[in-house]
Amino acid sequence: MPEITYIPTGQKILFRGLDDPLKITSISVDV
């Protein structure tokens, strides 16, 4: 993706680039 998940809680580490600003402004998380 890449993406990293902390298994005990489901927290996320997400990776983006400023070359795609829509993917930054539309980010949502589950936890």
PDB file of all heavy atoms in Angstrom:
ATOM      1  N   MET A   1       0.803  -1.231   0.000  1.00  0.00           N
ATOM      2  CA  MET A   1       0.000   0.000   0.000  1.00  0.00           C
ATOM      3  C   MET A   1       0.833   1.278   0.000  1.00  0.00           C
ATOM      4  O   MET A   1       0.526   2.190  -0.800  1.00  0.00           O
ATOM      5  CB  MET A   1      -1.003  -0.038   1.145  1.00  0.00           C
ATOM      6  CG  MET A   1      -2.072  -1.099   0.924  1.00  0.00           C
ATOM      7  SD  MET A   1      -3.418  -1.064   2.045  1.00  0.00           S
ATOM      8  CE  MET A   1      -4.271   0.443   1.538  1.00  0.00           C
ATOM      9  N   PRO A   2       1.875   1.526   0.818  1.00  0.00           N
ATOM     10  CA  PRO A   2       2.153   0.816   2.076  1.00  0.00           C
ATOM     11  C   PRO A   2       1.251   1.308   3.219  1.00  0.00           C
ATOM     12  O   PRO A   2       0.672   2.399   3.144  1.00  0.00           O
ATOM     13  CB  PRO A   2       3.616   1.171   2.333  1.00  0.00           C
ATOM     14  CG  PRO A   2       3.787   2.531   1.735  1.00  0.00           C
ATOM     15  CD  PRO A   2       2.863   2.581   0.545  1.00  0.00           C
ATOM     16  N   GLU A   3       1.210   0.502   4.286  1.00  0.00           N
ATOM     17  CA  GLU A   3       0.412   0.820   5.468  1.00  0.00           C
ATOM     18  C   GLU A   3       0.896  -0.038   6.629  1.00  0.00           C
ATOM     19  O   GLU A   3       1.316  -1.167   6.429  1.00  0.00           O
ATOM     20  CB  GLU A   3      -1.072   0.552   5.193  1.00  0.00           C
ATOM     21  CG  GLU A   3      -2.024   0.907   6.314  1.00  0.00           C
ATOM     22  CD  GLU A   3      -3.467   0.627   5.924  1.00  0.00           C
ATOM     23  OE1 GLU A   3      -4.021   1.428   5.128  1.00  0.00           O
ATOM     24  OE2 GLU A   3      -4.057  -0.389   6.398  1.00  0.00           O
ATOM     25  N   ILE A   4       0.867   0.519   7.821  1.00  0.00           N
ATOM     26  CA  ILE A   4       1.271  -0.215   9.015  1.00  0.00           C
ATOM     27  C   ILE A   4       0.118  -0.164  10.019  1.00  0.00           C
ATOM     28  O   ILE A   4      -0.438   0.906  10.276  1.00  0.00           O
ATOM     29  CB  ILE A   4       2.550   0.366   9.646  1.00  0.00           C
ATOM     30  CG1 ILE A   4       3.713   0.334   8.634  1.00  0.00           C
ATOM     31  CG2 ILE A   4       2.929  -0.387  10.916  1.00  0.00           C
ATOM     32  CD1 ILE A   4       4.965   1.054   9.113  1.00  0.00           C
ATOM     33  N   THR A   5      -0.244  -1.320  10.594  1.00  0.00           N
ATOM     34  CA  THR A   5      -1.334  -1.402  11.567  1.00  0.00           C
ATOM     35  C   THR A   5      -0.794  -1.917  12.900  1.00  0.00           C
ATOM     36  O   THR A   5      -0.059  -2.904  12.931  1.00  0.00           O
ATOM     37  CB  THR A   5      -2.439  -2.355  11.085  1.00  0.00           C
ATOM     38  OG1 THR A   5      -2.903  -1.941   9.791  1.00  0.00           O
ATOM     39  CG2 THR A   5      -3.613  -2.372  12.051  1.00  0.00           C
ATOM     40  N   TYR A   6      -1.157  -1.232  13.968  1.00  0.00           N
ATOM     41  CA  TYR A   6      -0.832  -1.710  15.311  1.00  0.00           C
ATOM     42  C   TYR A   6      -1.903  -2.720  15.696  1.00  0.00           C
ATOM     43  O   TYR A   6      -3.067  -2.372  15.926  1.00  0.00           O
ATOM     44  CB  TYR A   6      -0.782  -0.546  16.304  1.00  0.00           C
ATOM     45  CG  TYR A   6      -0.381  -0.946  17.708  1.00  0.00           C
ATOM     46  CD1 TYR A   6       0.668  -1.812  17.937  1.00  0.00           C
ATOM     47  CD2 TYR A   6      -1.060  -0.440  18.815  1.00  0.00           C
ATOM     48  CE1 TYR A   6       1.042  -2.182  19.230  1.00  0.00           C
ATOM     49  CE2 TYR A   6      -0.695  -0.789  20.106  1.00  0.00           C
ATOM     50  CZ  TYR A   6       0.360  -1.669  20.297  1.00  0.00           C
ATOM     51  OH  TYR A   6       0.723  -2.039  21.584  1.00  0.00           O
ATOM     52  N   ILE A   7      -1.545  -3.977  15.761  1.00  0.00           N
ATOM     53  CA  ILE A   7      -2.506  -5.074  15.872  1.00  0.00           C
ATOM     54  C   ILE A   7      -3.389  -4.997  17.121  1.00  0.00           C
ATOM     55  O   ILE A   7      -4.608  -5.204  17.031  1.00  0.00           O
ATOM     56  CB  ILE A   7      -1.773  -6.434  15.783  1.00  0.00           C
ATOM     57  CG1 ILE A   7      -1.093  -6.566  14.409  1.00  0.00           C
ATOM     58  CG2 ILE A   7      -2.728  -7.600  16.024  1.00  0.00           C
ATOM     59  CD1 ILE A   7      -0.160  -7.764  14.290  1.00  0.00           C
ATOM     60  N   PRO A   8      -2.854  -4.710  18.321  1.00  0.00           N
ATOM     61  CA  PRO A   8      -3.707  -4.715  19.518  1.00  0.00           C
ATOM     62  C   PRO A   8      -4.888  -3.749  19.461  1.00  0.00           C
ATOM     63  O   PRO A   8      -5.937  -4.015  20.060  1.00  0.00           O
ATOM     64  CB  PRO A   8      -2.741  -4.332  20.641  1.00  0.00           C
ATOM     65  CG  PRO A   8      -1.399  -4.784  20.154  1.00  0.00           C
ATOM     66  CD  PRO A   8      -1.429  -4.532  18.674  1.00  0.00           C
ATOM     67  N   THR A   9      -4.760  -2.621  18.768  1.00  0.00           N
ATOM     68  CA  THR A   9      -5.824  -1.606  18.766  1.00  0.00           C
ATOM     69  C   THR A   9      -6.403  -1.297  17.388  1.00  0.00           C
ATOM     70  O   THR A   9      -7.492  -0.729  17.285  1.00  0.00           O
ATOM     71  CB  THR A   9      -5.308  -0.287  19.352  1.00  0.00           C
ATOM     72  OG1 THR A   9      -4.228   0.195  18.526  1.00  0.00           O
ATOM     73  CG2 THR A   9      -4.819  -0.489  20.789  1.00  0.00           C
ATOM     74  N   GLY A  10      -5.685  -1.632  16.331  1.00  0.00           N
ATOM     75  CA  GLY A  10      -6.124  -1.271  14.984  1.00  0.00           C
ATOM     76  C   GLY A  10      -5.702   0.106  14.531  1.00  0.00           C
ATOM     77  O   GLY A  10      -6.119   0.574  13.454  1.00  0.00           O
ATOM     78  N   GLN A  11      -4.878   0.814  15.311  1.00  0.00           N
ATOM     79  CA  GLN A  11      -4.369   2.115  14.892  1.00  0.00           C
ATOM     80  C   GLN A  11      -3.546   1.971  13.619  1.00  0.00           C
ATOM     81  O   GLN A  11      -2.926   0.933  13.376  1.00  0.00           O
ATOM     82  CB  GLN A  11      -3.487   2.734  15.992  1.00  0.00           C
ATOM     83  CG  GLN A  11      -4.195   3.103  17.269  1.00  0.00           C
ATOM     84  CD  GLN A  11      -3.197   3.259  18.406  1.00  0.00           C
ATOM     85  OE1 GLN A  11      -2.967   2.339  19.188  1.00  0.00           O
ATOM     86  NE2 GLN A  11      -2.566   4.430  18.493  1.00  0.00           N
ATOM     87  N   LYS A  12      -3.514   3.067  12.828  1.00  0.00           N
ATOM     88  CA  LYS A  12      -2.876   3.007  11.528  1.00  0.00           C
ATOM     89  C   LYS A  12      -1.734   4.008  11.404  1.00  0.00           C
ATOM     90  O   LYS A  12      -1.775   5.111  11.964  1.00  0.00           O
ATOM     91  CB  LYS A  12      -3.892   3.326  10.423  1.00  0.00           C
ATOM     92  CG  LYS A  12      -5.051   2.337  10.311  1.00  0.00           C
ATOM     93  CD  LYS A  12      -4.656   1.043   9.641  1.00  0.00           C
ATOM     94  CE  LYS A  12      -5.889   0.193   9.352  1.00  0.00           C
ATOM     95  NZ  LYS A  12      -5.522  -1.090   8.706  1.00  0.00           N
ATOM     96  N   ILE A  13      -0.735   3.620  10.630  1.00  0.00           N
ATOM     97  CA  ILE A  13       0.259   4.536  10.089  1.00  0.00           C
ATOM     98  C   ILE A  13       0.046   4.527   8.574  1.00  0.00           C
ATOM     99  O   ILE A  13       0.234   3.503   7.921  1.00  0.00           O
ATOM    100  CB  ILE A  13       1.694   4.131  10.448  1.00  0.00           C
ATOM    101  CG1 ILE A  13       1.877   4.093  11.966  1.00  0.00           C
ATOM    102  CG2 ILE A  13       2.689   5.108   9.823  1.00  0.00           C
ATOM    103  CD1 ILE A  13       3.263   3.619  12.413  1.00  0.00           C
ATOM    104  N   LEU A  14      -0.374   5.670   8.034  1.00  0.00           N
ATOM    105  CA  LEU A  14      -0.701   5.787   6.623  1.00  0.00           C
ATOM    106  C   LEU A  14       0.359   6.600   5.893  1.00  0.00           C
ATOM    107  O   LEU A  14       0.993   7.486   6.487  1.00  0.00           O
ATOM    108  CB  LEU A  14      -2.063   6.463   6.462  1.00  0.00           C
ATOM    109  CG  LEU A  14      -3.230   5.814   7.236  1.00  0.00           C
ATOM    110  CD1 LEU A  14      -4.449   6.715   7.209  1.00  0.00           C
ATOM    111  CD2 LEU A  14      -3.543   4.435   6.681  1.00  0.00           C
ATOM    112  N   PHE A  15       0.545   6.335   4.608  1.00  0.00           N
ATOM    113  CA  PHE A  15       1.578   6.987   3.812  1.00  0.00           C
ATOM    114  C   PHE A  15       0.945   7.635   2.582  1.00  0.00           C
ATOM    115  O   PHE A  15       0.197   7.007   1.845  1.00  0.00           O
ATOM    116  CB  PHE A  15       2.642   5.978   3.377  1.00  0.00           C
ATOM    117  CG  PHE A  15       3.345   5.303   4.526  1.00  0.00           C
ATOM    118  CD1 PHE A  15       2.773   4.210   5.171  1.00  0.00           C
ATOM    119  CD2 PHE A  15       4.571   5.767   4.975  1.00  0.00           C
ATOM    120  CE1 PHE A  15       3.413   3.593   6.237  1.00  0.00           C
ATOM    121  CE2 PHE A  15       5.222   5.159   6.034  1.00  0.00           C
ATOM    122  CZ  PHE A  15       4.636   4.074   6.664  1.00  0.00           C
ATOM    123  N   ARG A  16       1.276   8.903   2.355  1.00  0.00           N
ATOM    124  CA  ARG A  16       0.740   9.630   1.223  1.00  0.00           C
ATOM    125  C   ARG A  16       1.807  10.553   0.633  1.00  0.00           C
ATOM    126  O   ARG A  16       2.855  10.781   1.237  1.00  0.00           O
ATOM    127  CB  ARG A  16      -0.482  10.480   1.635  1.00  0.00           C
ATOM    128  CG  ARG A  16      -1.668   9.679   2.156  1.00  0.00           C
ATOM    129  CD  ARG A  16      -2.358   8.872   1.073  1.00  0.00           C
ATOM    130  NE  ARG A  16      -3.604   8.281   1.565  1.00  0.00           N
ATOM    131  CZ  ARG A  16      -3.675   7.087   2.161  1.00  0.00           C
ATOM    132  NH1 ARG A  16      -2.566   6.369   2.368  1.00  0.00           N
ATOM    133  NH2 ARG A  16      -4.850   6.614   2.546  1.00  0.00           N
ATOM    134  N   GLY A  17       1.470  11.131  -0.525  1.00  0.00           N
ATOM    135  CA  GLY A  17       2.343  12.111  -1.156  1.00  0.00           C
ATOM    136  C   GLY A  17       1.561  13.362  -1.503  1.00  0.00           C
ATOM    137  O   GLY A  17       0.359  13.301  -1.786  1.00  0.00           O
ATOM    138  N   LEU A  18       2.228  14.495  -1.497  1.00  0.00           N
ATOM    139  CA  LEU A  18       1.564  15.740  -1.860  1.00  0.00           C
ATOM    140  C   LEU A  18       1.283  15.829  -3.350  1.00  0.00           C
ATOM    141  O   LEU A  18       0.634  16.778  -3.795  1.00  0.00           O
ATOM    142  CB  LEU A  18       2.402  16.941  -1.418  1.00  0.00           C
ATOM    143  CG  LEU A  18       2.296  17.314   0.060  1.00  0.00           C
ATOM    144  CD1 LEU A  18       3.212  18.483   0.374  1.00  0.00           C
ATOM    145  CD2 LEU A  18       0.874  17.672   0.438  1.00  0.00           C
ATOM    146  N   ASP A  19       1.750  14.849  -4.122  1.00  0.00           N
ATOM    147  CA  ASP A  19       1.421  14.818  -5.537  1.00  0.00           C
ATOM    148  C   ASP A  19      -0.005  14.358  -5.782  1.00  0.00           C
ATOM    149  O   ASP A  19      -0.493  14.435  -6.911  1.00  0.00           O
ATOM    150  CB  ASP A  19       2.399  13.917  -6.292  1.00  0.00           C
ATOM    151  CG  ASP A  19       2.571  12.540  -5.645  1.00  0.00           C
ATOM    152  OD1 ASP A  19       2.375  12.418  -4.428  1.00  0.00           O
ATOM    153  OD2 ASP A  19       2.960  11.606  -6.357  1.00  0.00           O
ATOM    154  N   ASP A  20      -0.681  13.885  -4.720  1.00  0.00           N
ATOM    155  CA  ASP A  20      -2.082  13.502  -4.829  1.00  0.00           C
ATOM    156  C   ASP A  20      -2.848  14.092  -3.644  1.00  0.00           C
ATOM    157  O   ASP A  20      -3.195  13.386  -2.701  1.00  0.00           O
ATOM    158  CB  ASP A  20      -2.231  11.981  -4.861  1.00  0.00           C
ATOM    159  CG  ASP A  20      -3.612  11.541  -5.356  1.00  0.00           C
ATOM    160  OD1 ASP A  20      -4.520  12.402  -5.440  1.00  0.00           O
ATOM    161  OD2 ASP A  20      -3.785  10.354  -5.670  1.00  0.00           O
ATOM    162  N   PRO A  21      -3.144  15.411  -3.686  1.00  0.00           N
ATOM    163  CA  PRO A  21      -3.734  16.075  -2.524  1.00  0.00           C
ATOM    164  C   PRO A  21      -5.104  15.526  -2.130  1.00  0.00           C
ATOM    165  O   PRO A  21      -5.477  15.587  -0.959  1.00  0.00           O
ATOM    166  CB  PRO A  21      -3.827  17.548  -2.962  1.00  0.00           C
ATOM    167  CG  PRO A  21      -3.752  17.517  -4.460  1.00  0.00           C
ATOM    168  CD  PRO A  21      -2.893  16.345  -4.799  1.00  0.00           C
ATOM    169  N   LEU A  22      -5.874  14.995  -3.083  1.00  0.00           N
ATOM    170  CA  LEU A  22      -7.193  14.461  -2.756  1.00  0.00           C
ATOM    171  C   LEU A  22      -7.113  13.283  -1.793  1.00  0.00           C
ATOM    172  O   LEU A  22      -7.992  13.094  -0.942  1.00  0.00           O
ATOM    173  CB  LEU A  22      -7.930  14.043  -4.032  1.00  0.00           C
ATOM    174  CG  LEU A  22      -8.403  15.182  -4.940  1.00  0.00           C
ATOM    175  CD1 LEU A  22      -9.056  14.627  -6.196  1.00  0.00           C
ATOM    176  CD2 LEU A  22      -9.376  16.096  -4.201  1.00  0.00           C
ATOM    177  N   LYS A  23      -6.040  12.483  -1.924  1.00  0.00           N
ATOM    178  CA  LYS A  23      -5.863  11.340  -1.035  1.00  0.00           C
ATOM    179  C   LYS A  23      -5.492  11.764   0.381  1.00  0.00           C
ATOM    180  O   LYS A  23      -5.584  10.970   1.310  1.00  0.00           O
ATOM    181  CB  LYS A  23      -4.803  10.393  -1.598  1.00  0.00           C
ATOM    182  CG  LYS A  23      -5.279   9.606  -2.819  1.00  0.00           C
ATOM    183  CD  LYS A  23      -4.270   8.568  -3.228  1.00  0.00           C
ATOM    184  CE  LYS A  23      -4.778   7.736  -4.394  1.00  0.00           C
ATOM    185  NZ  LYS A  23      -3.789   6.693  -4.822  1.00  0.00           N
ATOM    186  N   ILE A  24      -5.053  12.989   0.551  1.00  0.00           N
ATOM    187  CA  ILE A  24      -4.736  13.512   1.870  1.00  0.00           C
ATOM    188  C   ILE A  24      -5.978  14.103   2.532  1.00  0.00           C
ATOM    189  O   ILE A  24      -6.285  13.828   3.680  1.00  0.00           O
ATOM    190  CB  ILE A  24      -3.609  14.559   1.786  1.00  0.00           C
ATOM    191  CG1 ILE A  24      -2.290  13.873   1.408  1.00  0.00           C
ATOM    192  CG2 ILE A  24      -3.451  15.296   3.121  1.00  0.00           C
ATOM    193  CD1 ILE A  24      -1.143  14.819   1.223  1.00  0.00           C
ATOM    194  N   THR A  25      -6.698  14.915   1.793  1.00  0.00           N
ATOM    195  CA  THR A  25      -7.860  15.598   2.359  1.00  0.00           C
ATOM    196  C   THR A  25      -9.014  14.647   2.649  1.00  0.00           C
ATOM    197  O   THR A  25      -9.906  14.981   3.428  1.00  0.00           O
ATOM    198  CB  THR A  25      -8.346  16.709   1.413  1.00  0.00           C
ATOM    199  OG1 THR A  25      -8.611  16.155   0.119  1.00  0.00           O
ATOM    200  CG2 THR A  25      -7.276  17.789   1.277  1.00  0.00           C
ATOM    201  N   SER A  26      -9.015  13.459   2.038  1.00  0.00           N
ATOM    202  CA  SER A  26     -10.126  12.528   2.214  1.00  0.00           C
ATOM    203  C   SER A  26      -9.812  11.382   3.179  1.00  0.00           C
ATOM    204  O   SER A  26     -10.559  10.414   3.255  1.00  0.00           O
ATOM    205  CB  SER A  26     -10.541  11.940   0.859  1.00  0.00           C
ATOM    206  OG  SER A  26      -9.454  11.220   0.265  1.00  0.00           O
ATOM    207  N   ILE A  27      -8.735  11.475   3.936  1.00  0.00           N
ATOM    208  CA  ILE A  27      -8.334  10.391   4.839  1.00  0.00           C
ATOM    209  C   ILE A  27      -9.308  10.240   6.003  1.00  0.00           C
ATOM    210  O   ILE A  27      -9.719  11.223   6.608  1.00  0.00           O
ATOM    211  CB  ILE A  27      -6.913  10.642   5.378  1.00  0.00           C
ATOM    212  CG1 ILE A  27      -5.885  10.383   4.284  1.00  0.00           C
ATOM    213  CG2 ILE A  27      -6.610   9.722   6.574  1.00  0.00           C
ATOM    214  CD1 ILE A  27      -4.469  10.685   4.700  1.00  0.00           C
ATOM    215  N   SER A  28      -9.673   8.996   6.296  1.00  0.00           N
ATOM    216  CA  SER A  28     -10.457   8.679   7.485  1.00  0.00           C
ATOM    217  C   SER A  28      -9.869   7.436   8.144  1.00  0.00           C
ATOM    218  O   SER A  28      -9.253   6.605   7.474  1.00  0.00           O
ATOM    219  CB  SER A  28     -11.931   8.450   7.133  1.00  0.00           C
ATOM    220  OG  SER A  28     -12.069   7.351   6.236  1.00  0.00           O
ATOM    221  N   VAL A  29     -10.049   7.311   9.467  1.00  0.00           N
ATOM    222  CA  VAL A  29      -9.512   6.175  10.216  1.00  0.00           C
ATOM    223  C   VAL A  29     -10.627   5.511  11.000  1.00  0.00           C
ATOM    224  O   VAL A  29     -11.641   6.129  11.332  1.00  0.00           O
ATOM    225  CB  VAL A  29      -8.369   6.621  11.162  1.00  0.00           C
ATOM    226  CG1 VAL A  29      -7.160   7.070  10.362  1.00  0.00           C
ATOM    227  CG2 VAL A  29      -8.827   7.741  12.093  1.00  0.00           C
ATOM    228  N   ASP A  30     -10.436   4.221  11.311  1.00  0.00           N
ATOM    229  CA  ASP A  30     -11.454   3.434  12.015  1.00  0.00           C
ATOM    230  C   ASP A  30     -11.363   3.564  13.528  1.00  0.00           C
ATOM    231  O   ASP A  30     -12.367   3.443  14.232  1.00  0.00           O
ATOM    232  CB  ASP A  30     -11.323   1.951  11.635  1.00  0.00           C
ATOM    233  CG  ASP A  30     -11.540   1.697  10.156  1.00  0.00           C
ATOM    234  OD1 ASP A  30     -12.358   2.419   9.547  1.00  0.00           O
ATOM    235  OD2 ASP A  30     -10.890   0.787   9.599  1.00  0.00           O
ATOM    236  N   VAL A  31     -10.161   3.812  14.044  1.00  0.00           N
ATOM    237  CA  VAL A  31      -9.920   3.866  15.485  1.00  0.00           C
ATOM    238  C   VAL A  31      -9.314   5.213  15.845  1.00  0.00           C
ATOM    239  O   VAL A  31      -8.343   5.647  15.223  1.00  0.00           O
ATOM    240  CB  VAL A  31      -8.977   2.733  15.936  1.00  0.00           C
ATOM    241  CG1 VAL A  31      -8.661   2.858  17.421  1.00  0.00           C
ATOM    242  CG2 VAL A  31      -9.574   1.369  15.623  1.00  0.00           C
TER     243      VAL A  31
END
